[in-house]
Amino acid sequence: MGAKVGKGEEYGFILRFYNKGLRILRHVLRQLIVKTMEKAEKGEEYGFIFAKTIRM
């Protein structure tokens, strides 16, 4: 009986960790795109397409 509660808590923790990881990943990707855009003008087009893909 007690195992059910433990599994639920474990699942919640994994979900929270997953969402946090996604947020960090998105931030890192955005920073990468910005740096790429600064380096090359063509990077702007690729960065825009890449950002659009992430949002989907």
Protein backbone atom coordinates (compact mmCIF):
# COMPACT_ATOMS: atom_id res chain seq x y z
CA MET A 1 0.00 0.00 0.00
CA GLY A 2 2.80 2.39 0.91
CA ALA A 3 4.65 1.63 -2.34
CA LYS A 4 1.99 3.45 -4.38
CA VAL A 5 2.62 6.75 -2.58
CA GLY A 6 6.39 6.34 -2.98
CA LYS A 7 6.05 5.74 -6.72
CA GLY A 8 3.83 8.82 -7.09
CA GLU A 9 6.36 11.00 -5.30
CA GLU A 10 9.17 9.54 -7.39
CA TYR A 11 7.24 10.30 -10.58
CA GLY A 12 6.57 13.88 -9.46
CA PHE A 13 10.26 14.38 -8.72
CA ILE A 14 11.24 13.05 -12.15
CA LEU A 15 8.69 15.36 -13.81
CA ARG A 16 10.00 18.38 -11.92
CA PHE A 17 13.58 17.46 -12.76
CA TYR A 18 12.62 16.94 -16.43
CA ASN A 19 10.92 20.35 -16.68
CA LYS A 20 13.90 22.04 -15.02
CA GLY A 21 16.27 20.30 -17.42
CA LEU A 22 14.17 21.40 -20.41
CA ARG A 23 14.25 25.02 -19.24
CA ILE A 24 18.04 24.91 -18.85
CA LEU A 25 18.45 23.24 -22.25
CA ARG A 26 16.30 25.87 -23.95
CA HIS A 27 18.30 28.65 -22.30
CA VAL A 28 21.61 27.10 -23.40
CA LEU A 29 20.33 26.64 -26.96
CA ARG A 30 19.16 30.26 -27.08
CA GLN A 31 22.58 31.46 -25.91
CA LEU A 32 24.23 29.32 -28.60
CA ILE A 33 21.96 30.79 -31.29
CA VAL A 34 22.75 34.34 -30.14
CA LYS A 35 26.49 33.65 -30.26
CA THR A 36 26.16 32.09 -33.72
CA MET A 37 24.21 35.11 -34.94
CA GLU A 38 26.94 37.43 -33.67
CA LYS A 39 29.62 35.42 -35.48
CA ALA A 40 27.95 35.15 -38.90
CA GLU A 41 25.15 37.05 -40.67
CA LYS A 42 23.95 33.78 -42.21
CA GLY A 43 23.59 32.43 -38.69
CA GLU A 44 20.58 34.72 -38.27
CA GLU A 45 18.52 32.75 -40.78
CA TYR A 46 19.58 29.41 -39.33
CA GLY A 47 19.02 30.67 -35.78
CA PHE A 48 15.49 31.80 -36.65
CA ILE A 49 14.63 28.43 -38.23
CA PHE A 50 16.20 26.61 -35.28
CA ALA A 51 14.26 28.69 -32.73
CA LYS A 52 11.03 28.04 -34.63
CA THR A 53 11.74 24.30 -34.55
CA ILE A 54 12.33 24.38 -30.77
CA ARG A 55 9.01 26.14 -30.18
CA MET A 56 7.16 23.38 -32.07
